[in-house]
Protein backbone atom coordinates (compact mmCIF):
# COMPACT_ATOMS: atom_id res chain seq x y z
CA LEU A 1 28.77 -25.66 4.78
CA ILE A 2 25.30 -25.00 6.23
CA GLU A 3 25.07 -21.64 4.45
CA LYS A 4 26.03 -23.29 1.17
CA ILE A 5 23.29 -25.90 1.61
CA ALA A 6 20.72 -23.22 2.51
CA HIS A 7 21.65 -21.21 -0.59
CA ARG A 8 21.32 -24.34 -2.72
CA VAL A 9 17.89 -25.17 -1.30
CA LEU A 10 16.69 -21.60 -1.87
CA TYR A 11 18.00 -21.65 -5.43
CA ARG A 12 16.43 -25.01 -6.28
CA LEU A 13 13.06 -24.09 -4.83
CA SER A 14 13.01 -20.64 -6.46
CA THR A 15 13.20 -22.18 -9.94
CA PRO A 16 9.71 -22.00 -11.48
CA TYR A 17 8.00 -25.35 -12.04
CA SER A 18 5.62 -26.19 -14.86
CA TYR A 19 2.39 -27.92 -13.89
CA GLN A 20 -0.62 -28.38 -16.13
CA ASN A 21 0.32 -25.52 -18.45
CA SER A 22 1.00 -23.19 -15.52
CA SER A 23 4.23 -21.88 -14.10
CA LEU A 24 4.49 -22.21 -10.32
CA LYS A 25 6.99 -20.35 -8.19
CA ILE A 26 7.64 -21.17 -4.55
CA ASN A 27 8.90 -18.58 -2.07
CA VAL A 28 10.87 -20.05 0.80
CA SER A 29 12.18 -18.76 4.11
CA ILE A 30 14.47 -21.05 6.08
CA GLY A 31 15.14 -21.01 9.81
CA ILE A 32 18.23 -22.89 10.96
CA ALA A 33 18.83 -24.16 14.50
CA LEU A 34 21.98 -26.05 15.44
CA PHE A 35 22.43 -28.89 17.91
CA PRO A 36 23.45 -28.47 20.70
CA GLU A 37 24.00 -24.68 20.51
CA ASN A 38 20.31 -23.87 20.02
CA GLY A 39 18.81 -26.74 21.96
CA LYS A 40 19.35 -30.28 23.08
CA THR A 41 15.81 -31.50 22.51
CA TYR A 42 13.73 -31.80 19.38
CA GLN A 43 11.18 -29.27 20.68
CA MET A 44 13.85 -26.70 21.57
CA LEU A 45 15.43 -27.01 18.13
CA ILE A 46 12.06 -26.68 16.39
CA ASN A 47 11.18 -23.60 18.46
CA HIS A 48 14.50 -21.91 17.67
CA ALA A 49 14.28 -22.83 13.99
CA ASP A 50 10.75 -21.40 13.88
CA GLN A 51 11.94 -18.13 15.43
CA ALA A 52 14.80 -18.00 12.91
CA MET A 53 12.37 -18.61 10.05
CA TYR A 54 10.28 -15.60 11.07
CA LYS A 55 13.48 -13.55 11.27
CA ALA A 56 14.29 -14.66 7.69
CA LYS A 57 10.77 -13.76 6.53
CA LYS A 58 11.15 -10.31 8.06
CA GLU A 59 14.33 -9.80 6.01
CA GLY A 60 12.46 -10.56 2.77
CA LYS A 61 11.51 -13.43 0.53
CA GLY A 62 14.04 -16.12 -0.28
CA GLN A 63 16.17 -15.69 2.84
CA PHE A 64 17.54 -17.88 5.58
CA ALA A 65 18.52 -17.05 9.14
CA PHE A 66 20.26 -18.81 11.98
CA ALA A 67 18.78 -19.06 15.46
CA SER A 68 20.46 -16.72 17.91
């Protein structure tokens, strides 16, 4: 389910937007941390999600990764 949602978010955000006669494209990398597996506090979850986001960025644009 989480992978499906991540794919949907990436797809929706990768669709070019028109703004003032310009086409804008957003590149997104998503880091996913799960409670309680990756942390039991807000700060722990944010830290793990941030690490996962950098892992996704390393894999290329428009990716998502789970915290390990």
